């Protein structure tokens, strides 16, 4: 099962909105087939493994980290393929919460006299697909809040200075984080101040750019922002209220009603994204947007970069070095030196 979980991770960047699934087929103590779900809409892990196993799947034992599907979607049901291959036993790490499956796959296998064992490495399997499980259960994206700050809590070097606090290595890590999500969201203030691209920029990048989402209640953003460049790969959506000026046709505008505080209700935003099969959302800022996500209790995960600088005053930025970290109960003790 550990191998099946490891195989499943290979599809992490390409299978959304589907889950990550790996499959291993064993016959007479030898691995005769293995595979993973590679792209949404294409054959599932079980099919890849069965194709490699061929006739050796007869009487074999299967290890898979998620309950096999039993319905016709973009691909035929995996349960039928497993039954036809003549497998004898299957270990399934966890059941699939998708109502189209949800125990029905296990029932179909047992009805075909295949021995089913459920729960091997269940915790690891649930963690691996926590984004998928959240999306299936709530029909809205798994929300990841991200920010960067100095050791004294500053998030910018100067109000008129948009230089990054974080290092080049941290920026590269951020692009890897972006690569793993379906969409990225910022507020109007960040759009104006930073004028970001919100794209994945890394060497040998292959794949789909995340959807870019801008929240702007007034919809009064400059049309020359980089996010509105028609040559920018991927798609940009402006989420605003009814009173908006016209935007270029390549920018999709979605209008919402204001809530009692005059803002766009984030639950409504997430519902719209969920309808578009956006399973994960990286919220990059700014502070007001972060605060609203906290207030509406819509955060699933927090990621932040702690930069080795102390700004204190915007005129005197102090570089630090030789960081060490010690966990002290629920706190984190940090020791450092002046560079």
C-alpha atoms as a PDB file:
ATOM      1  CA  UNK A   1       0.000   0.000   0.000  1.00  0.00           C
ATOM      2  CA  UNK A   2       2.906   2.338   0.648  1.00  0.00           C
ATOM      3  CA  UNK A   3       3.925   1.899  -2.981  1.00  0.00           C
ATOM      4  CA  UNK A   4       0.370   2.614  -4.131  1.00  0.00           C
ATOM      5  CA  UNK A   5       0.368   5.846  -2.117  1.00  0.00           C
ATOM      6  CA  UNK A   6       3.743   6.808  -3.546  1.00  0.00           C
ATOM      7  CA  UNK A   7       2.526   6.161  -7.086  1.00  0.00           C
ATOM      8  CA  UNK A   8      -0.619   8.210  -6.459  1.00  0.00           C
ATOM      9  CA  UNK A   9       1.444  11.299  -5.632  1.00  0.00           C
ATOM     10  CA  UNK A  10       2.864  11.319  -9.151  1.00  0.00           C
ATOM     11  CA  UNK A  11      -0.486  12.601 -10.389  1.00  0.00           C
ATOM     12  CA  UNK A  12      -0.742  15.408  -7.838  1.00  0.00           C
ATOM     13  CA  UNK A  13      -0.298  18.223 -10.374  1.00  0.00           C
ATOM     14  CA  UNK A  14      -2.408  16.831 -13.194  1.00  0.00           C
ATOM     15  CA  UNK A  15      -5.497  14.964 -11.950  1.00  0.00           C
ATOM     16  CA  UNK A  16      -7.669  17.735 -10.464  1.00  0.00           C
ATOM     17  CA  UNK A  17     -10.626  17.687  -9.962  1.00  0.00           C
ATOM     18  CA  UNK A  18     -10.110  13.934  -9.588  1.00  0.00           C
ATOM     19  CA  UNK A  19      -8.352  12.258  -6.628  1.00  0.00           C
ATOM     20  CA  UNK A  20      -4.775  10.986  -6.570  1.00  0.00           C
ATOM     21  CA  UNK A  21      -4.839   7.207  -6.918  1.00  0.00           C
ATOM     22  CA  UNK A  22      -2.148   4.550  -7.190  1.00  0.00           C
ATOM     23  CA  UNK A  23      -2.591   0.828  -7.712  1.00  0.00           C
ATOM     24  CA  UNK A  24      -0.305  -2.195  -7.282  1.00  0.00           C
ATOM     25  CA  UNK A  25      -1.105  -5.773  -8.356  1.00  0.00           C
ATOM     26  CA  UNK A  26       0.713  -8.670  -6.673  1.00  0.00           C
ATOM     27  CA  UNK A  27       0.698 -12.331  -7.692  1.00  0.00           C
ATOM     28  CA  UNK A  28       2.708 -15.002  -5.885  1.00  0.00           C
ATOM     29  CA  UNK A  29       4.630 -12.361  -3.898  1.00  0.00           C
ATOM     30  CA  UNK A  30       5.716 -10.537  -7.072  1.00  0.00           C
ATOM     31  CA  UNK A  31       4.525  -7.163  -8.348  1.00  0.00           C
ATOM     32  CA  UNK A  32       3.023  -7.878 -11.764  1.00  0.00           C
ATOM     33  CA  UNK A  33       1.431  -4.504 -12.451  1.00  0.00           C
ATOM     34  CA  UNK A  34       1.320  -0.974 -11.122  1.00  0.00           C
ATOM     35  CA  UNK A  35       0.029   2.401 -12.205  1.00  0.00           C
ATOM     36  CA  UNK A  36      -1.411   5.735 -11.167  1.00  0.00           C
ATOM     37  CA  UNK A  37      -4.112   8.116 -12.351  1.00  0.00           C
ATOM     38  CA  UNK A  38      -2.205  10.506 -14.595  1.00  0.00           C
ATOM     39  CA  UNK A  39      -4.706  13.000 -16.026  1.00  0.00           C
ATOM     40  CA  UNK A  40      -8.349  13.843 -15.348  1.00  0.00           C
ATOM     41  CA  UNK A  41     -10.566  12.206 -17.944  1.00  0.00           C
ATOM     42  CA  UNK A  42      -8.021   9.514 -18.763  1.00  0.00           C
ATOM     43  CA  UNK A  43      -7.724   5.886 -17.515  1.00  0.00           C
ATOM     44  CA  UNK A  44      -7.624   5.391 -13.756  1.00  0.00           C
ATOM     45  CA  UNK A  45      -4.811   3.798 -11.767  1.00  0.00           C
ATOM     46  CA  UNK A  46      -6.440   0.368 -11.712  1.00  0.00           C
ATOM     47  CA  UNK A  47      -6.670   0.267 -15.513  1.00  0.00           C
ATOM     48  CA  UNK A  48      -2.992   1.155 -15.957  1.00  0.00           C
ATOM     49  CA  UNK A  49      -2.013  -1.545 -13.453  1.00  0.00           C
ATOM     50  CA  UNK A  50      -4.259  -4.185 -15.058  1.00  0.00           C
ATOM     51  CA  UNK A  51      -2.868  -3.429 -18.508  1.00  0.00           C
ATOM     52  CA  UNK A  52       0.659  -4.024 -17.236  1.00  0.00           C
ATOM     53  CA  UNK A  53      -0.325  -7.171 -15.345  1.00  0.00           C
ATOM     54  CA  UNK A  54      -2.147  -8.743 -18.269  1.00  0.00           C
ATOM     55  CA  UNK A  55      -3.096 -12.387 -17.626  1.00  0.00           C
ATOM     56  CA  UNK A  56      -1.095 -12.344 -14.389  1.00  0.00           C
ATOM     57  CA  UNK A  57      -3.953 -10.375 -12.791  1.00  0.00           C
ATOM     58  CA  UNK A  58      -5.914 -13.643 -12.618  1.00  0.00           C
ATOM     59  CA  UNK A  59      -6.025 -14.703  -8.956  1.00  0.00           C
ATOM     60  CA  UNK A  60      -3.888 -11.714  -7.904  1.00  0.00           C
ATOM     61  CA  UNK A  61      -4.142  -9.317  -4.963  1.00  0.00           C
ATOM     62  CA  UNK A  62      -4.672  -5.601  -5.585  1.00  0.00           C
ATOM     63  CA  UNK A  63      -3.590  -2.671  -3.404  1.00  0.00           C
ATOM     64  CA  UNK A  64      -5.259   0.683  -4.097  1.00  0.00           C
ATOM     65  CA  UNK A  65      -5.466   3.801  -1.941  1.00  0.00           C
ATOM     66  CA  UNK A  66      -9.064   4.704  -2.842  1.00  0.00           C
ATOM     67  CA  UNK A  67     -12.234   2.716  -3.416  1.00  0.00           C
ATOM     68  CA  UNK A  68     -12.491   1.814  -7.134  1.00  0.00           C
ATOM     69  CA  UNK A  69     -15.184   3.649  -9.083  1.00  0.00           C
ATOM     70  CA  UNK A  70     -18.309   1.733 -10.093  1.00  0.00           C
ATOM     71  CA  UNK A  71     -20.033   4.193 -12.425  1.00  0.00           C
ATOM     72  CA  UNK A  72     -19.677   5.384 -15.999  1.00  0.00           C
ATOM     73  CA  UNK A  73     -18.157   8.856 -16.212  1.00  0.00           C
ATOM     74  CA  UNK A  74     -15.469   9.946 -18.649  1.00  0.00           C
ATOM     75  CA  UNK A  75     -14.081   6.421 -18.227  1.00  0.00           C
ATOM     76  CA  UNK A  76     -15.739   3.004 -17.620  1.00  0.00           C
ATOM     77  CA  UNK A  77     -16.028   1.656 -14.037  1.00  0.00           C
ATOM     78  CA  UNK A  78     -12.842   0.209 -12.571  1.00  0.00           C
ATOM     79  CA  UNK A  79     -14.810  -2.375 -10.587  1.00  0.00           C
ATOM     80  CA  UNK A  80     -15.911  -4.056 -13.822  1.00  0.00           C
ATOM     81  CA  UNK A  81     -12.329  -4.218 -15.093  1.00  0.00           C
ATOM     82  CA  UNK A  82     -11.095  -5.702 -11.809  1.00  0.00           C
ATOM     83  CA  UNK A  83     -13.855  -8.318 -11.788  1.00  0.00           C
ATOM     84  CA  UNK A  84     -13.257  -9.275 -15.423  1.00  0.00           C
ATOM     85  CA  UNK A  85      -9.513  -9.599 -14.766  1.00  0.00           C
ATOM     86  CA  UNK A  86     -10.245 -12.248 -12.146  1.00  0.00           C
ATOM     87  CA  UNK A  87      -8.564 -10.701  -9.134  1.00  0.00           C
ATOM     88  CA  UNK A  88      -8.951 -12.664  -5.909  1.00  0.00           C
ATOM     89  CA  UNK A  89      -8.462 -10.055  -3.182  1.00  0.00           C
ATOM     90  CA  UNK A  90      -8.198  -6.279  -2.880  1.00  0.00           C
ATOM     91  CA  UNK A  91      -6.868  -4.011  -0.138  1.00  0.00           C
ATOM     92  CA  UNK A  92      -8.473  -0.553  -0.195  1.00  0.00           C
ATOM     93  CA  UNK A  93      -7.027   2.202   1.993  1.00  0.00           C
ATOM     94  CA  UNK A  94     -10.215   4.264   2.277  1.00  0.00           C
ATOM     95  CA  UNK A  95     -13.689   4.563   0.814  1.00  0.00           C
ATOM     96  CA  UNK A  96     -14.589   7.231  -1.738  1.00  0.00           C
ATOM     97  CA  UNK A  97     -16.944   9.933  -0.348  1.00  0.00           C
ATOM     98  CA  UNK A  98     -18.230  10.684  -3.852  1.00  0.00           C
ATOM     99  CA  UNK A  99     -21.973   9.824  -3.725  1.00  0.00           C
ATOM    100  CA  UNK A 100     -21.587   8.060  -7.078  1.00  0.00           C
ATOM    101  CA  UNK A 101     -19.225   5.580  -5.387  1.00  0.00           C
ATOM    102  CA  UNK A 102     -19.383   5.758  -1.560  1.00  0.00           C
ATOM    103  CA  UNK A 103     -19.374   2.051  -0.729  1.00  0.00           C
ATOM    104  CA  UNK A 104     -20.981   0.941  -3.981  1.00  0.00           C
ATOM    105  CA  UNK A 105     -17.593   0.005  -5.441  1.00  0.00           C
ATOM    106  CA  UNK A 106     -16.803  -2.198  -2.451  1.00  0.00           C
ATOM    107  CA  UNK A 107     -20.259  -3.783  -2.630  1.00  0.00           C
ATOM    108  CA  UNK A 108     -19.813  -4.584  -6.334  1.00  0.00           C
ATOM    109  CA  UNK A 109     -16.472  -6.283  -5.689  1.00  0.00           C
ATOM    110  CA  UNK A 110     -17.840  -8.346  -2.808  1.00  0.00           C
ATOM    111  CA  UNK A 111     -20.853  -9.337  -4.887  1.00  0.00           C
ATOM    112  CA  UNK A 112     -18.383 -10.802  -7.370  1.00  0.00           C
ATOM    113  CA  UNK A 113     -16.843 -12.915  -4.561  1.00  0.00           C
ATOM    114  CA  UNK A 114     -13.707 -10.779  -4.363  1.00  0.00           C
ATOM    115  CA  UNK A 115     -12.325 -10.519  -0.828  1.00  0.00           C
ATOM    116  CA  UNK A 116     -12.160  -6.863   0.235  1.00  0.00           C
ATOM    117  CA  UNK A 117     -10.054  -5.472   3.095  1.00  0.00           C
ATOM    118  CA  UNK A 118     -10.707  -1.813   3.940  1.00  0.00           C
ATOM    119  CA  UNK A 119      -8.573   0.527   6.070  1.00  0.00           C
ATOM    120  CA  UNK A 120      -4.931  -0.359   5.359  1.00  0.00           C
ATOM    121  CA  UNK A 121      -2.951   2.946   5.643  1.00  0.00           C
ATOM    122  CA  UNK A 122      -6.281   4.776   5.885  1.00  0.00           C
ATOM    123  CA  UNK A 123      -4.938   7.900   7.640  1.00  0.00           C
ATOM    124  CA  UNK A 124      -2.204   8.423   5.044  1.00  0.00           C
ATOM    125  CA  UNK A 125      -4.693   7.919   2.225  1.00  0.00           C
ATOM    126  CA  UNK A 126      -7.127  10.457   3.666  1.00  0.00           C
ATOM    127  CA  UNK A 127      -4.359  13.032   4.102  1.00  0.00           C
ATOM    128  CA  UNK A 128      -3.166  12.485   0.543  1.00  0.00           C
ATOM    129  CA  UNK A 129      -6.590  13.316  -0.890  1.00  0.00           C
ATOM    130  CA  UNK A 130      -7.800  15.842   1.690  1.00  0.00           C
ATOM    131  CA  UNK A 131      -8.398  18.447  -1.026  1.00  0.00           C
ATOM    132  CA  UNK A 132     -10.563  16.056  -3.051  1.00  0.00           C
ATOM    133  CA  UNK A 133     -12.466  14.856   0.030  1.00  0.00           C
ATOM    134  CA  UNK A 134     -13.161  18.438   1.122  1.00  0.00           C
ATOM    135  CA  UNK A 135     -14.401  19.375  -2.335  1.00  0.00           C
ATOM    136  CA  UNK A 136     -16.708  16.359  -2.596  1.00  0.00           C
ATOM    137  CA  UNK A 137     -18.173  16.944   0.865  1.00  0.00           C
ATOM    138  CA  UNK A 138     -18.579  20.745   0.665  1.00  0.00           C
ATOM    139  CA  UNK A 139     -18.648  21.475  -3.088  1.00  0.00           C
ATOM    140  CA  UNK A 140     -16.242  24.361  -2.641  1.00  0.00           C
ATOM    141  CA  UNK A 141     -12.454  24.690  -2.864  1.00  0.00           C
ATOM    142  CA  UNK A 142      -9.976  23.754  -0.164  1.00  0.00           C
ATOM    143  CA  UNK A 143      -8.636  27.187   0.894  1.00  0.00           C
ATOM    144  CA  UNK A 144      -4.924  27.762   1.524  1.00  0.00           C
ATOM    145  CA  UNK A 145      -3.920  31.126   3.005  1.00  0.00           C
ATOM    146  CA  UNK A 146      -0.395  32.283   2.148  1.00  0.00           C
ATOM    147  CA  UNK A 147       1.657  35.263   3.235  1.00  0.00           C
ATOM    148  CA  UNK A 148       5.264  36.324   3.753  1.00  0.00           C
ATOM    149  CA  UNK A 149       6.511  38.359   6.693  1.00  0.00           C
ATOM    150  CA  UNK A 150       9.655  39.536   8.434  1.00  0.00           C
ATOM    151  CA  UNK A 151      10.498  38.330  11.939  1.00  0.00           C
ATOM    152  CA  UNK A 152       8.933  41.482  13.368  1.00  0.00           C
ATOM    153  CA  UNK A 153       5.680  40.886  11.520  1.00  0.00           C
ATOM    154  CA  UNK A 154       6.013  43.249   8.544  1.00  0.00           C
ATOM    155  CA  UNK A 155       4.626  42.105   5.194  1.00  0.00           C
ATOM    156  CA  UNK A 156       6.128  44.890   3.051  1.00  0.00           C
ATOM    157  CA  UNK A 157       9.513  46.591   3.093  1.00  0.00           C
ATOM    158  CA  UNK A 158       7.949  50.030   2.593  1.00  0.00           C
ATOM    159  CA  UNK A 159       4.483  51.280   1.614  1.00  0.00           C
ATOM    160  CA  UNK A 160       5.931  52.527  -1.695  1.00  0.00           C
ATOM    161  CA  UNK A 161       8.352  49.622  -2.132  1.00  0.00           C
ATOM    162  CA  UNK A 162       6.979  46.457  -3.739  1.00  0.00           C
ATOM    163  CA  UNK A 163      10.225  44.489  -3.530  1.00  0.00           C
ATOM    164  CA  UNK A 164       9.803  40.988  -2.185  1.00  0.00           C
ATOM    165  CA  UNK A 165      10.629  40.324   1.455  1.00  0.00           C
ATOM    166  CA  UNK A 166      11.249  36.667   0.664  1.00  0.00           C
ATOM    167  CA  UNK A 167      14.357  35.174  -0.916  1.00  0.00           C
ATOM    168  CA  UNK A 168      14.705  33.742  -4.410  1.00  0.00           C
ATOM    169  CA  UNK A 169      14.509  30.225  -2.955  1.00  0.00           C
ATOM    170  CA  UNK A 170      11.242  31.108  -1.223  1.00  0.00           C
ATOM    171  CA  UNK A 171       9.894  32.524  -4.483  1.00  0.00           C
ATOM    172  CA  UNK A 172      10.774  29.285  -6.265  1.00  0.00           C
ATOM    173  CA  UNK A 173       8.979  27.354  -3.529  1.00  0.00           C
ATOM    174  CA  UNK A 174       5.941  29.603  -3.976  1.00  0.00           C
ATOM    175  CA  UNK A 175       5.801  28.746  -7.673  1.00  0.00           C
ATOM    176  CA  UNK A 176       5.762  25.072  -6.733  1.00  0.00           C
ATOM    177  CA  UNK A 177       2.891  25.818  -4.338  1.00  0.00           C
ATOM    178  CA  UNK A 178       1.029  27.646  -7.107  1.00  0.00           C
ATOM    179  CA  UNK A 179       1.578  24.721  -9.445  1.00  0.00           C
ATOM    180  CA  UNK A 180      -0.364  22.482  -7.069  1.00  0.00           C
ATOM    181  CA  UNK A 181      -3.583  24.534  -6.904  1.00  0.00           C
ATOM    182  CA  UNK A 182      -6.470  25.175  -9.282  1.00  0.00           C
ATOM    183  CA  UNK A 183      -6.829  28.904  -8.594  1.00  0.00           C
ATOM    184  CA  UNK A 184      -5.120  31.902  -6.948  1.00  0.00           C
ATOM    185  CA  UNK A 185      -6.998  34.802  -5.358  1.00  0.00           C
ATOM    186  CA  UNK A 186      -5.969  38.339  -4.388  1.00  0.00           C
ATOM    187  CA  UNK A 187      -7.749  41.541  -3.438  1.00  0.00           C
ATOM    188  CA  UNK A 188      -7.874  44.844  -5.287  1.00  0.00           C
ATOM    189  CA  UNK A 189      -5.248  46.478  -3.044  1.00  0.00           C
ATOM    190  CA  UNK A 190      -2.685  43.770  -3.785  1.00  0.00           C
ATOM    191  CA  UNK A 191      -3.518  43.954  -7.494  1.00  0.00           C
ATOM    192  CA  UNK A 192      -2.772  47.691  -7.527  1.00  0.00           C
ATOM    193  CA  UNK A 193       0.242  47.689  -5.201  1.00  0.00           C
ATOM    194  CA  UNK A 194       2.103  44.612  -6.450  1.00  0.00           C
ATOM    195  CA  UNK A 195       0.726  44.398 -10.011  1.00  0.00           C
ATOM    196  CA  UNK A 196       1.453  40.634  -9.964  1.00  0.00           C
ATOM    197  CA  UNK A 197       1.214  38.038 -12.726  1.00  0.00           C
ATOM    198  CA  UNK A 198      -0.039  35.218 -10.464  1.00  0.00           C
ATOM    199  CA  UNK A 199       1.400  32.627 -12.823  1.00  0.00           C
ATOM    200  CA  UNK A 200       3.561  29.563 -12.278  1.00  0.00           C
ATOM    201  CA  UNK A 201       7.051  30.490 -13.415  1.00  0.00           C
ATOM    202  CA  UNK A 202       9.598  27.733 -13.064  1.00  0.00           C
ATOM    203  CA  UNK A 203      12.053  25.929 -15.290  1.00  0.00           C
ATOM    204  CA  UNK A 204      10.567  23.336 -17.653  1.00  0.00           C
ATOM    205  CA  UNK A 205       7.037  24.114 -16.473  1.00  0.00           C
ATOM    206  CA  UNK A 206       4.451  21.933 -18.185  1.00  0.00           C
ATOM    207  CA  UNK A 207       0.789  22.097 -17.302  1.00  0.00           C
ATOM    208  CA  UNK A 208      -2.180  24.373 -16.904  1.00  0.00           C
ATOM    209  CA  UNK A 209      -1.817  27.784 -15.271  1.00  0.00           C
ATOM    210  CA  UNK A 210      -4.031  28.301 -12.199  1.00  0.00           C
ATOM    211  CA  UNK A 211      -7.158  30.378 -12.629  1.00  0.00           C
ATOM    212  CA  UNK A 212      -6.503  33.952 -11.420  1.00  0.00           C
ATOM    213  CA  UNK A 213      -9.224  35.584  -9.302  1.00  0.00           C
ATOM    214  CA  UNK A 214      -9.335  39.250  -8.252  1.00  0.00           C
ATOM    215  CA  UNK A 215     -11.776  40.517  -5.629  1.00  0.00           C
ATOM    216  CA  UNK A 216     -12.683  44.159  -6.196  1.00  0.00           C
ATOM    217  CA  UNK A 217     -15.913  45.468  -4.710  1.00  0.00           C
ATOM    218  CA  UNK A 218     -15.812  48.661  -6.774  1.00  0.00           C
ATOM    219  CA  UNK A 219     -14.335  47.087  -9.898  1.00  0.00           C
ATOM    220  CA  UNK A 220     -12.250  50.215 -10.464  1.00  0.00           C
ATOM    221  CA  UNK A 221      -8.933  48.549 -11.287  1.00  0.00           C
ATOM    222  CA  UNK A 222      -6.562  50.020 -13.902  1.00  0.00           C
ATOM    223  CA  UNK A 223      -6.914  48.273 -17.241  1.00  0.00           C
ATOM    224  CA  UNK A 224      -3.138  48.212 -17.717  1.00  0.00           C
ATOM    225  CA  UNK A 225      -2.548  45.750 -14.857  1.00  0.00           C
ATOM    226  CA  UNK A 226      -0.457  42.724 -15.848  1.00  0.00           C
ATOM    227  CA  UNK A 227      -3.350  40.482 -14.847  1.00  0.00           C
ATOM    228  CA  UNK A 228      -5.398  41.951 -17.704  1.00  0.00           C
ATOM    229  CA  UNK A 229      -2.724  41.376 -20.360  1.00  0.00           C
ATOM    230  CA  UNK A 230      -4.349  39.324 -23.170  1.00  0.00           C
ATOM    231  CA  UNK A 231      -1.006  37.568 -23.767  1.00  0.00           C
ATOM    232  CA  UNK A 232      -0.893  36.233 -20.206  1.00  0.00           C
ATOM    233  CA  UNK A 233      -1.338  32.434 -20.199  1.00  0.00           C
ATOM    234  CA  UNK A 234      -4.368  31.122 -18.371  1.00  0.00           C
ATOM    235  CA  UNK A 235      -7.536  32.961 -17.413  1.00  0.00           C
ATOM    236  CA  UNK A 236      -8.357  35.930 -15.169  1.00  0.00           C
ATOM    237  CA  UNK A 237     -11.706  36.468 -13.444  1.00  0.00           C
ATOM    238  CA  UNK A 238     -12.722  39.741 -11.807  1.00  0.00           C
ATOM    239  CA  UNK A 239     -15.251  39.256  -9.020  1.00  0.00           C
ATOM    240  CA  UNK A 240     -17.000  42.484  -8.156  1.00  0.00           C
ATOM    241  CA  UNK A 241     -20.431  44.061  -7.580  1.00  0.00           C
ATOM    242  CA  UNK A 242     -23.054  45.144 -10.095  1.00  0.00           C
ATOM    243  CA  UNK A 243     -21.522  48.605 -10.600  1.00  0.00           C
ATOM    244  CA  UNK A 244     -18.504  47.913 -12.787  1.00  0.00           C
ATOM    245  CA  UNK A 245     -16.925  49.529 -15.795  1.00  0.00           C
ATOM    246  CA  UNK A 246     -16.308  47.550 -18.944  1.00  0.00           C
ATOM    247  CA  UNK A 247     -13.307  45.234 -19.106  1.00  0.00           C
ATOM    248  CA  UNK A 248     -11.651  43.527 -22.081  1.00  0.00           C
ATOM    249  CA  UNK A 249     -13.552  40.501 -23.372  1.00  0.00           C
ATOM    250  CA  UNK A 250     -10.776  38.094 -22.330  1.00  0.00           C
ATOM    251  CA  UNK A 251     -11.365  39.051 -18.672  1.00  0.00           C
ATOM    252  CA  UNK A 252     -14.447  37.397 -17.228  1.00  0.00           C
ATOM    253  CA  UNK A 253     -16.437  39.608 -14.864  1.00  0.00           C
ATOM    254  CA  UNK A 254     -18.738  38.039 -12.284  1.00  0.00           C
ATOM    255  CA  UNK A 255     -21.014  40.367 -10.314  1.00  0.00           C
ATOM    256  CA  UNK A 256     -22.147  39.670  -6.749  1.00  0.00           C
ATOM    257  CA  UNK A 257     -24.457  41.502  -4.406  1.00  0.00           C
ATOM    258  CA  UNK A 258     -22.783  43.255  -1.475  1.00  0.00           C
ATOM    259  CA  UNK A 259     -23.285  41.869   2.005  1.00  0.00           C
ATOM    260  CA  UNK A 260     -24.309  44.018   4.987  1.00  0.00           C
ATOM    261  CA  UNK A 261     -20.739  45.312   5.343  1.00  0.00           C
ATOM    262  CA  UNK A 262     -20.498  46.325   1.686  1.00  0.00           C
ATOM    263  CA  UNK A 263     -18.200  43.442   0.750  1.00  0.00           C
ATOM    264  CA  UNK A 264     -18.529  40.419  -1.483  1.00  0.00           C
ATOM    265  CA  UNK A 265     -19.469  37.400   0.622  1.00  0.00           C
ATOM    266  CA  UNK A 266     -16.620  34.910   0.321  1.00  0.00           C
ATOM    267  CA  UNK A 267     -18.929  31.921   0.678  1.00  0.00           C
ATOM    268  CA  UNK A 268     -20.596  33.044  -2.560  1.00  0.00           C
ATOM    269  CA  UNK A 269     -17.194  33.321  -4.239  1.00  0.00           C
ATOM    270  CA  UNK A 270     -16.245  29.797  -3.182  1.00  0.00           C
ATOM    271  CA  UNK A 271     -19.599  28.431  -4.324  1.00  0.00           C
ATOM    272  CA  UNK A 272     -19.057  29.863  -7.810  1.00  0.00           C
ATOM    273  CA  UNK A 273     -15.548  28.417  -7.955  1.00  0.00           C
ATOM    274  CA  UNK A 274     -16.863  25.064  -6.781  1.00  0.00           C
ATOM    275  CA  UNK A 275     -19.381  25.029  -9.619  1.00  0.00           C
ATOM    276  CA  UNK A 276     -16.401  25.378 -11.965  1.00  0.00           C
ATOM    277  CA  UNK A 277     -14.680  22.333 -10.468  1.00  0.00           C
ATOM    278  CA  UNK A 278     -12.037  24.429  -8.687  1.00  0.00           C
ATOM    279  CA  UNK A 279     -10.976  22.098  -5.875  1.00  0.00           C
ATOM    280  CA  UNK A 280      -8.157  24.178  -4.340  1.00  0.00           C
ATOM    281  CA  UNK A 281      -7.653  27.919  -3.897  1.00  0.00           C
ATOM    282  CA  UNK A 282      -4.457  29.720  -2.871  1.00  0.00           C
ATOM    283  CA  UNK A 283      -5.234  33.084  -1.249  1.00  0.00           C
ATOM    284  CA  UNK A 284      -2.187  35.329  -1.594  1.00  0.00           C
ATOM    285  CA  UNK A 285      -3.583  38.496  -0.121  1.00  0.00           C
ATOM    286  CA  UNK A 286      -3.746  41.096   0.934  1.00  0.00           C
ATOM    287  CA  UNK A 287      -4.322  41.671   4.611  1.00  0.00           C
ATOM    288  CA  UNK A 288      -7.990  42.667   4.303  1.00  0.00           C
ATOM    289  CA  UNK A 289      -8.775  39.604   2.209  1.00  0.00           C
ATOM    290  CA  UNK A 290      -6.956  37.365   4.697  1.00  0.00           C
ATOM    291  CA  UNK A 291      -8.901  38.915   7.563  1.00  0.00           C
ATOM    292  CA  UNK A 292     -12.217  38.341   5.795  1.00  0.00           C
ATOM    293  CA  UNK A 293     -11.388  34.668   5.214  1.00  0.00           C
ATOM    294  CA  UNK A 294     -10.612  34.353   8.930  1.00  0.00           C
ATOM    295  CA  UNK A 295     -13.847  36.108   9.889  1.00  0.00           C
ATOM    296  CA  UNK A 296     -15.960  33.882   7.642  1.00  0.00           C
ATOM    297  CA  UNK A 297     -14.100  30.766   8.909  1.00  0.00           C
ATOM    298  CA  UNK A 298     -13.333  29.482   5.432  1.00  0.00           C
ATOM    299  CA  UNK A 299      -9.650  28.584   5.848  1.00  0.00           C
ATOM    300  CA  UNK A 300      -8.433  24.998   5.597  1.00  0.00           C
ATOM    301  CA  UNK A 301      -4.660  25.491   5.628  1.00  0.00           C
ATOM    302  CA  UNK A 302      -2.171  28.291   6.342  1.00  0.00           C
ATOM    303  CA  UNK A 303       1.267  28.617   4.752  1.00  0.00           C
ATOM    304  CA  UNK A 304       3.594  31.481   5.513  1.00  0.00           C
ATOM    305  CA  UNK A 305       7.188  32.347   4.766  1.00  0.00           C
ATOM    306  CA  UNK A 306       9.240  33.868   7.593  1.00  0.00           C
ATOM    307  CA  UNK A 307      12.027  35.967   6.093  1.00  0.00           C
ATOM    308  CA  UNK A 308      15.355  36.497   7.947  1.00  0.00           C
ATOM    309  CA  UNK A 309      14.989  40.276   8.145  1.00  0.00           C
ATOM    310  CA  UNK A 310      13.741  42.690  10.798  1.00  0.00           C
ATOM    311  CA  UNK A 311      12.316  45.905   9.382  1.00  0.00           C
ATOM    312  CA  UNK A 312      11.222  47.762  12.570  1.00  0.00           C
ATOM    313  CA  UNK A 313      11.220  51.078  10.704  1.00  0.00           C
ATOM    314  CA  UNK A 314      10.934  51.284   6.938  1.00  0.00           C
ATOM    315  CA  UNK A 315      14.217  53.198   6.784  1.00  0.00           C
ATOM    316  CA  UNK A 316      16.277  50.617   8.704  1.00  0.00           C
ATOM    317  CA  UNK A 317      15.904  47.038   7.504  1.00  0.00           C
ATOM    318  CA  UNK A 318      18.148  44.636   9.442  1.00  0.00           C
ATOM    319  CA  UNK A 319      19.330  41.369   7.902  1.00  0.00           C
ATOM    320  CA  UNK A 320      19.597  38.322  10.139  1.00  0.00           C
ATOM    321  CA  UNK A 321      21.353  34.974   9.774  1.00  0.00           C
ATOM    322  CA  UNK A 322      21.987  31.604  11.465  1.00  0.00           C
ATOM    323  CA  UNK A 323      18.370  30.849  12.331  1.00  0.00           C
ATOM    324  CA  UNK A 324      17.556  27.992  14.698  1.00  0.00           C
ATOM    325  CA  UNK A 325      14.079  26.787  15.632  1.00  0.00           C
ATOM    326  CA  UNK A 326      12.864  24.983  18.749  1.00  0.00           C
ATOM    327  CA  UNK A 327       9.268  24.012  19.439  1.00  0.00           C
ATOM    328  CA  UNK A 328       8.327  25.077  22.966  1.00  0.00           C
ATOM    329  CA  UNK A 329       4.886  23.678  23.655  1.00  0.00           C
ATOM    330  CA  UNK A 330       2.513  25.343  21.217  1.00  0.00           C
ATOM    331  CA  UNK A 331       5.026  28.131  20.490  1.00  0.00           C
ATOM    332  CA  UNK A 332       8.074  28.302  18.239  1.00  0.00           C
ATOM    333  CA  UNK A 333      11.290  29.689  19.744  1.00  0.00           C
ATOM    334  CA  UNK A 334      13.526  31.314  17.113  1.00  0.00           C
ATOM    335  CA  UNK A 335      17.154  32.231  17.721  1.00  0.00           C
ATOM    336  CA  UNK A 336      19.184  34.268  15.235  1.00  0.00           C
ATOM    337  CA  UNK A 337      22.135  36.652  14.841  1.00  0.00           C
ATOM    338  CA  UNK A 338      22.683  39.952  13.087  1.00  0.00           C
ATOM    339  CA  UNK A 339      24.233  39.438   9.663  1.00  0.00           C
END
